[in-house]
Amino acid sequence: MRQMQLIYSSRPFGYDDTTLENILFNARHHNRRGSVTGALICRHDIFLQMLEGPRDVVTHTFARILRDSRHVDVVAHWSGDIETRMFPTWDMRHDPARSWLWTPDEVWNGAVNDASSETLRAIFARVAAEPSASDASVG
């Protein structure tokens, strides 16, 4: 079965801790059933997510995200076939956007849309290489 990665961004609508917890809970539930893994980098002004798994399941998952009212201005930035996953044990890793990513002004001015696919993949490679705050419980 062909495996793929997909990276997209969106602006959160109605972002707060409860919304984020619900998104992560639902993502982990659906992803576990469909063998999808990945990571969600987020804060009040950006969702940047990588999905990995079987092509048909990742495509279906992204279609569900496109219909989700908690995501505004959804943009697919990169997708392609992969040999190995960056997040093989994570149903959905949560990683808060930190200062090395982009400032809120940079996000507002389109930094994510100006980033190359190599830059976006490198962001996730960096996240994958770092220990998670919740490494004690694989998520």
N, C-alpha and C. Protein backbone atom coordinates (compact mmCIF):
# COMPACT_ATOMS: atom_id res chain seq x y z
N MET A 1 0.84 -1.18 0.00
CA MET A 1 0.00 0.00 0.00
C MET A 1 0.89 1.25 0.00
N ARG A 2 0.61 2.17 -0.88
CA ARG A 2 1.40 3.39 -0.99
C ARG A 2 1.17 4.28 0.22
N GLN A 3 2.28 4.78 0.75
CA GLN A 3 2.22 5.72 1.87
C GLN A 3 2.52 7.12 1.36
N MET A 4 1.89 8.09 1.99
CA MET A 4 2.11 9.48 1.58
C MET A 4 2.18 10.38 2.79
N GLN A 5 2.70 11.57 2.57
CA GLN A 5 2.66 12.66 3.54
C GLN A 5 1.91 13.81 2.88
N LEU A 6 1.23 14.58 3.72
CA LEU A 6 0.55 15.78 3.26
C LEU A 6 0.78 16.84 4.32
N ILE A 7 1.17 18.03 3.90
CA ILE A 7 1.34 19.17 4.82
C ILE A 7 0.35 20.23 4.40
N TYR A 8 -0.41 20.73 5.38
CA TYR A 8 -1.33 21.82 5.11
C TYR A 8 -1.26 22.82 6.26
N SER A 9 -1.78 24.00 5.99
CA SER A 9 -1.92 25.00 7.05
C SER A 9 -3.34 25.53 7.02
N SER A 10 -3.73 26.09 8.15
CA SER A 10 -5.01 26.78 8.23
C SER A 10 -4.93 27.79 9.37
N ARG A 11 -5.92 28.65 9.40
CA ARG A 11 -6.06 29.56 10.53
C ARG A 11 -7.12 28.97 11.45
N PRO A 12 -6.83 28.91 12.74
CA PRO A 12 -7.83 28.40 13.68
C PRO A 12 -9.01 29.37 13.79
N PHE A 13 -10.19 28.81 13.91
CA PHE A 13 -11.39 29.60 14.18
C PHE A 13 -11.89 29.22 15.56
N GLY A 14 -12.01 30.21 16.44
CA GLY A 14 -12.49 29.94 17.79
C GLY A 14 -11.48 29.17 18.62
N TYR A 15 -10.21 29.50 18.47
CA TYR A 15 -9.14 28.76 19.13
C TYR A 15 -9.11 29.01 20.63
N ASP A 16 -9.15 27.94 21.39
CA ASP A 16 -8.89 27.96 22.82
C ASP A 16 -8.45 26.55 23.22
N ASP A 17 -8.10 26.36 24.48
CA ASP A 17 -7.59 25.06 24.93
C ASP A 17 -8.61 23.94 24.71
N THR A 18 -9.88 24.21 24.94
CA THR A 18 -10.90 23.18 24.77
C THR A 18 -11.02 22.78 23.30
N THR A 19 -11.01 23.76 22.41
CA THR A 19 -11.07 23.46 20.98
C THR A 19 -9.88 22.61 20.57
N LEU A 20 -8.69 22.99 21.03
CA LEU A 20 -7.49 22.23 20.69
C LEU A 20 -7.57 20.81 21.23
N GLU A 21 -8.02 20.64 22.47
CA GLU A 21 -8.16 19.30 23.04
C GLU A 21 -9.13 18.45 22.22
N ASN A 22 -10.23 19.06 21.78
CA ASN A 22 -11.21 18.32 20.96
C ASN A 22 -10.62 17.94 19.61
N ILE A 23 -9.88 18.85 18.98
CA ILE A 23 -9.25 18.53 17.70
C ILE A 23 -8.28 17.38 17.87
N LEU A 24 -7.43 17.44 18.89
CA LEU A 24 -6.45 16.37 19.12
C LEU A 24 -7.13 15.05 19.44
N PHE A 25 -8.17 15.08 20.27
CA PHE A 25 -8.89 13.85 20.62
C PHE A 25 -9.50 13.21 19.38
N ASN A 26 -10.20 14.02 18.58
CA ASN A 26 -10.83 13.49 17.36
C ASN A 26 -9.79 13.00 16.35
N ALA A 27 -8.72 13.77 16.18
CA ALA A 27 -7.67 13.36 15.23
C ALA A 27 -7.06 12.03 15.65
N ARG A 28 -6.74 11.90 16.91
CA ARG A 28 -6.12 10.66 17.39
C ARG A 28 -7.06 9.48 17.23
N HIS A 29 -8.33 9.69 17.51
CA HIS A 29 -9.31 8.61 17.38
C HIS A 29 -9.41 8.15 15.91
N HIS A 30 -9.63 9.09 15.01
CA HIS A 30 -9.76 8.74 13.59
C HIS A 30 -8.45 8.20 13.02
N ASN A 31 -7.34 8.82 13.39
CA ASN A 31 -6.05 8.42 12.84
C ASN A 31 -5.66 7.01 13.27
N ARG A 32 -5.93 6.69 14.52
CA ARG A 32 -5.61 5.34 15.02
C ARG A 32 -6.35 4.29 14.20
N ARG A 33 -7.61 4.54 13.90
CA ARG A 33 -8.41 3.59 13.11
C ARG A 33 -7.91 3.47 11.68
N GLY A 34 -7.36 4.56 11.12
CA GLY A 34 -6.97 4.54 9.72
C GLY A 34 -5.47 4.43 9.49
N SER A 35 -4.72 4.17 10.56
CA SER A 35 -3.25 4.06 10.46
C SER A 35 -2.61 5.34 9.94
N VAL A 36 -3.14 6.48 10.36
CA VAL A 36 -2.56 7.77 10.02
C VAL A 36 -1.75 8.25 11.21
N THR A 37 -0.58 8.81 10.93
CA THR A 37 0.25 9.42 11.96
C THR A 37 0.56 10.84 11.54
N GLY A 38 1.20 11.60 12.43
CA GLY A 38 1.58 12.95 12.06
C GLY A 38 1.78 13.84 13.24
N ALA A 39 1.81 15.14 12.94
CA ALA A 39 2.03 16.15 13.97
C ALA A 39 1.23 17.40 13.64
N LEU A 40 0.80 18.07 14.70
CA LEU A 40 0.06 19.33 14.58
C LEU A 40 0.84 20.39 15.35
N ILE A 41 1.33 21.37 14.62
CA ILE A 41 1.97 22.53 15.23
C ILE A 41 0.92 23.61 15.26
N CYS A 42 0.68 24.18 16.44
CA CYS A 42 -0.44 25.12 16.50
C CYS A 42 -0.25 26.18 17.58
N ARG A 43 -0.93 27.25 17.36
CA ARG A 43 -1.13 28.33 18.33
C ARG A 43 -2.33 29.12 17.85
N HIS A 44 -2.63 30.23 18.47
CA HIS A 44 -3.87 30.96 18.17
C HIS A 44 -3.97 31.43 16.72
N ASP A 45 -2.84 31.56 16.01
CA ASP A 45 -2.88 32.11 14.67
C ASP A 45 -2.53 31.13 13.55
N ILE A 46 -2.17 29.89 13.89
CA ILE A 46 -1.79 28.96 12.83
C ILE A 46 -1.96 27.51 13.27
N PHE A 47 -2.46 26.71 12.34
CA PHE A 47 -2.36 25.25 12.40
C PHE A 47 -1.45 24.88 11.23
N LEU A 48 -0.41 24.13 11.53
CA LEU A 48 0.46 23.58 10.49
C LEU A 48 0.53 22.10 10.80
N GLN A 49 0.07 21.28 9.88
CA GLN A 49 -0.07 19.85 10.18
C GLN A 49 0.53 18.99 9.07
N MET A 50 1.15 17.89 9.53
CA MET A 50 1.61 16.85 8.62
C MET A 50 0.80 15.60 8.91
N LEU A 51 0.25 15.01 7.87
CA LEU A 51 -0.45 13.74 7.94
C LEU A 51 0.37 12.72 7.17
N GLU A 52 0.44 11.49 7.69
CA GLU A 52 1.18 10.42 7.02
C GLU A 52 0.35 9.15 7.07
N GLY A 53 0.39 8.38 6.00
CA GLY A 53 -0.30 7.10 6.02
C GLY A 53 -0.70 6.66 4.63
N PRO A 54 -1.61 5.68 4.57
CA PRO A 54 -2.09 5.21 3.27
C PRO A 54 -2.74 6.36 2.50
N ARG A 55 -2.42 6.43 1.23
CA ARG A 55 -2.87 7.55 0.39
C ARG A 55 -4.37 7.80 0.49
N ASP A 56 -5.18 6.76 0.38
CA ASP A 56 -6.64 6.96 0.41
C ASP A 56 -7.11 7.48 1.76
N VAL A 57 -6.50 7.03 2.83
CA VAL A 57 -6.92 7.46 4.17
C VAL A 57 -6.48 8.90 4.44
N VAL A 58 -5.26 9.25 4.04
CA VAL A 58 -4.79 10.63 4.22
C VAL A 58 -5.66 11.58 3.40
N THR A 59 -5.98 11.20 2.18
CA THR A 59 -6.84 12.03 1.33
C THR A 59 -8.22 12.22 1.96
N HIS A 60 -8.78 11.15 2.50
CA HIS A 60 -10.08 11.23 3.18
C HIS A 60 -9.98 12.11 4.43
N THR A 61 -8.90 11.97 5.18
CA THR A 61 -8.70 12.78 6.39
C THR A 61 -8.62 14.26 6.03
N PHE A 62 -7.88 14.57 4.98
CA PHE A 62 -7.76 15.97 4.56
C PHE A 62 -9.11 16.51 4.09
N ALA A 63 -9.89 15.71 3.41
CA ALA A 63 -11.23 16.14 2.99
C ALA A 63 -12.10 16.47 4.20
N ARG A 64 -11.97 15.69 5.27
CA ARG A 64 -12.72 15.96 6.50
C ARG A 64 -12.27 17.28 7.12
N ILE A 65 -10.96 17.55 7.08
CA ILE A 65 -10.43 18.81 7.61
C ILE A 65 -10.97 20.00 6.82
N LEU A 66 -11.06 19.84 5.51
CA LEU A 66 -11.58 20.92 4.67
C LEU A 66 -13.01 21.29 5.04
N ARG A 67 -13.77 20.35 5.55
CA ARG A 67 -15.17 20.59 5.95
C ARG A 67 -15.29 21.07 7.40
N ASP A 68 -14.21 21.03 8.15
CA ASP A 68 -14.23 21.34 9.59
C ASP A 68 -14.24 22.85 9.80
N SER A 69 -15.28 23.36 10.45
CA SER A 69 -15.43 24.81 10.64
C SER A 69 -14.39 25.40 11.59
N ARG A 70 -13.60 24.58 12.26
CA ARG A 70 -12.55 25.10 13.14
C ARG A 70 -11.30 25.49 12.36
N HIS A 71 -11.29 25.21 11.06
CA HIS A 71 -10.17 25.55 10.17
C HIS A 71 -10.65 26.55 9.12
N VAL A 72 -9.93 27.66 8.99
CA VAL A 72 -10.24 28.68 8.01
C VAL A 72 -9.03 28.82 7.08
N ASP A 73 -9.28 29.10 5.84
CA ASP A 73 -8.20 29.31 4.86
C ASP A 73 -7.25 28.11 4.81
N VAL A 74 -7.80 26.93 4.61
CA VAL A 74 -6.99 25.71 4.53
C VAL A 74 -6.23 25.69 3.20
N VAL A 75 -4.92 25.46 3.30
CA VAL A 75 -4.07 25.40 2.11
C VAL A 75 -3.21 24.15 2.18
N ALA A 76 -3.30 23.31 1.16
CA ALA A 76 -2.39 22.16 1.05
C ALA A 76 -1.08 22.67 0.45
N HIS A 77 0.02 22.45 1.17
CA HIS A 77 1.32 22.97 0.72
C HIS A 77 2.18 21.91 0.04
N TRP A 78 2.03 20.66 0.45
CA TRP A 78 2.87 19.62 -0.13
C TRP A 78 2.22 18.27 0.11
N SER A 79 2.34 17.40 -0.87
CA SER A 79 1.97 15.99 -0.67
C SER A 79 2.85 15.17 -1.58
N GLY A 80 3.17 13.97 -1.12
CA GLY A 80 3.99 13.10 -1.92
C GLY A 80 4.15 11.74 -1.29
N ASP A 81 4.63 10.81 -2.08
CA ASP A 81 4.88 9.45 -1.60
C ASP A 81 6.09 9.44 -0.68
N ILE A 82 6.06 8.54 0.30
CA ILE A 82 7.16 8.42 1.24
C ILE A 82 7.53 6.95 1.42
N GLU A 83 8.76 6.73 1.82
CA GLU A 83 9.24 5.39 2.17
C GLU A 83 9.05 5.14 3.67
N THR A 84 9.35 6.16 4.49
CA THR A 84 9.23 6.03 5.95
C THR A 84 8.53 7.25 6.51
N ARG A 85 7.87 7.04 7.61
CA ARG A 85 7.15 8.12 8.29
C ARG A 85 8.07 8.87 9.25
N MET A 86 7.81 10.16 9.42
CA MET A 86 8.54 10.95 10.41
C MET A 86 8.00 10.72 11.82
N PHE A 87 6.71 10.40 11.92
CA PHE A 87 6.04 10.26 13.21
C PHE A 87 5.36 8.89 13.31
N PRO A 88 6.12 7.81 13.19
CA PRO A 88 5.52 6.47 13.08
C PRO A 88 4.74 6.01 14.31
N THR A 89 5.01 6.57 15.48
CA THR A 89 4.31 6.12 16.69
C THR A 89 3.31 7.14 17.21
N TRP A 90 3.07 8.20 16.47
CA TRP A 90 2.18 9.26 16.94
C TRP A 90 0.89 9.29 16.14
N ASP A 91 -0.24 8.99 16.79
CA ASP A 91 -1.54 9.17 16.13
C ASP A 91 -1.69 10.64 15.73
N MET A 92 -1.26 11.53 16.60
CA MET A 92 -1.16 12.95 16.27
C MET A 92 -0.37 13.62 17.38
N ARG A 93 0.86 13.98 17.05
CA ARG A 93 1.70 14.68 18.01
C ARG A 93 1.28 16.14 18.03
N HIS A 94 1.14 16.68 19.22
CA HIS A 94 0.83 18.09 19.39
C HIS A 94 2.13 18.81 19.72
N ASP A 95 2.41 19.85 19.00
CA ASP A 95 3.61 20.62 19.24
C ASP A 95 3.25 22.09 19.12
N PRO A 96 3.30 22.82 20.23
CA PRO A 96 2.97 24.24 20.13
C PRO A 96 3.97 24.97 19.23
N ALA A 97 3.49 25.89 18.43
CA ALA A 97 4.39 26.69 17.59
C ALA A 97 5.27 27.53 18.50
N ARG A 98 6.56 27.45 18.27
CA ARG A 98 7.50 28.18 19.11
C ARG A 98 8.17 29.30 18.34
N SER A 99 9.02 30.05 19.01
CA SER A 99 9.61 31.25 18.44
C SER A 99 10.42 30.98 17.18
N TRP A 100 11.01 29.77 17.04
CA TRP A 100 11.80 29.50 15.85
C TRP A 100 10.94 29.31 14.61
N LEU A 101 9.66 29.13 14.78
CA LEU A 101 8.80 28.94 13.61
C LEU A 101 8.62 30.27 12.89
N TRP A 102 7.60 31.02 13.24
CA TRP A 102 7.37 32.35 12.69
C TRP A 102 6.71 33.19 13.78
N THR A 103 6.94 34.48 13.75
CA THR A 103 6.26 35.39 14.66
C THR A 103 4.81 35.53 14.18
N PRO A 104 3.93 35.99 15.07
CA PRO A 104 2.55 36.25 14.60
C PRO A 104 2.50 37.21 13.41
N ASP A 105 3.36 38.24 13.41
CA ASP A 105 3.38 39.16 12.26
C ASP A 105 3.79 38.45 10.98
N GLU A 106 4.79 37.55 11.08
CA GLU A 106 5.21 36.80 9.90
C GLU A 106 4.10 35.89 9.39
N VAL A 107 3.37 35.26 10.31
CA VAL A 107 2.23 34.43 9.91
C VAL A 107 1.19 35.29 9.21
N TRP A 108 0.86 36.42 9.82
CA TRP A 108 -0.13 37.32 9.25
C TRP A 108 0.27 37.78 7.85
N ASN A 109 1.58 37.97 7.63
CA ASN A 109 2.08 38.45 6.34
C ASN A 109 2.37 37.34 5.34
N GLY A 110 1.96 36.09 5.66
CA GLY A 110 2.02 35.01 4.69
C GLY A 110 3.26 34.14 4.69
N ALA A 111 3.99 34.09 5.80
CA ALA A 111 5.22 33.29 5.85
C ALA A 111 4.99 31.84 5.46
N VAL A 112 3.90 31.25 5.92
CA VAL A 112 3.66 29.84 5.60
C VAL A 112 3.42 29.65 4.11
N ASN A 113 2.75 30.58 3.48
CA ASN A 113 2.50 30.47 2.04
C ASN A 113 3.76 30.74 1.22
N ASP A 114 4.68 31.51 1.79
CA ASP A 114 5.94 31.81 1.10
C ASP A 114 6.98 30.71 1.30
N ALA A 115 6.76 29.83 2.26
CA ALA A 115 7.74 28.78 2.57
C ALA A 115 7.74 27.70 1.49
N SER A 116 8.91 27.21 1.18
CA SER A 116 9.00 26.12 0.20
C SER A 116 8.58 24.80 0.85
N SER A 117 8.29 23.82 0.02
CA SER A 117 7.94 22.50 0.57
C SER A 117 9.12 21.93 1.35
N GLU A 118 10.34 22.21 0.93
CA GLU A 118 11.51 21.73 1.66
C GLU A 118 11.59 22.36 3.05
N THR A 119 11.28 23.66 3.13
CA THR A 119 11.28 24.34 4.42
C THR A 119 10.22 23.75 5.34
N LEU A 120 9.03 23.51 4.81
CA LEU A 120 7.95 22.95 5.62
C LEU A 120 8.29 21.54 6.09
N ARG A 121 8.84 20.73 5.21
CA ARG A 121 9.23 19.37 5.62
C ARG A 121 10.35 19.43 6.65
N ALA A 122 11.26 20.40 6.53
CA ALA A 122 12.34 20.55 7.50
C ALA A 122 11.81 20.95 8.88
N ILE A 123 10.74 21.73 8.91
CA ILE A 123 10.11 22.09 10.19
C ILE A 123 9.65 20.83 10.90
N PHE A 124 8.98 19.95 10.16
CA PHE A 124 8.49 18.71 10.78
C PHE A 124 9.63 17.76 11.13
N ALA A 125 10.67 17.75 10.33
CA ALA A 125 11.83 16.92 10.68
C ALA A 125 12.45 17.40 11.99
N ARG A 126 12.48 18.70 12.18
CA ARG A 126 13.01 19.25 13.44
C ARG A 126 12.13 18.84 14.62
N VAL A 127 10.82 18.94 14.44
CA VAL A 127 9.89 18.53 15.50
C VAL A 127 10.07 17.04 15.80
N ALA A 128 10.18 16.23 14.77
CA ALA A 128 10.31 14.78 14.95
C ALA A 128 11.59 14.43 15.70
N ALA A 129 12.64 15.23 15.54
CA ALA A 129 13.92 14.95 16.18
C ALA A 129 13.97 15.39 17.64
N GLU A 130 13.03 16.25 18.03
CA GLU A 130 13.02 16.76 19.40
C GLU A 130 12.13 15.90 20.29
N PRO A 131 12.51 15.78 21.57
CA PRO A 131 11.60 15.09 22.48
C PRO A 131 10.34 15.95 22.68
N SER A 132 9.24 15.28 22.85
CA SER A 132 7.98 15.97 23.09
C SER A 132 7.75 16.14 24.57
N ALA A 133 7.02 17.18 24.93
CA ALA A 133 6.68 17.38 26.33
C ALA A 133 5.86 16.21 26.86
N SER A 134 5.20 15.50 25.97
CA SER A 134 4.35 14.38 26.39
C SER A 134 4.94 13.04 25.95
N ASP A 135 6.26 12.95 25.80
CA ASP A 135 6.88 11.70 25.37
C ASP A 135 6.58 10.54 26.31
N ALA A 136 6.22 10.84 27.54
CA ALA A 136 5.91 9.77 28.48
C ALA A 136 4.69 8.98 28.05
N SER A 137 3.80 9.64 27.29
CA SER A 137 2.61 8.93 26.79
C SER A 137 2.49 9.17 25.30
N VAL A 138 2.84 8.18 24.52
CA VAL A 138 2.75 8.33 23.07
C VAL A 138 1.32 8.60 22.69
N GLY A 139 1.16 9.64 21.85
CA GLY A 139 -0.15 10.09 21.61
C GLY A 139 -0.73 9.86 20.32
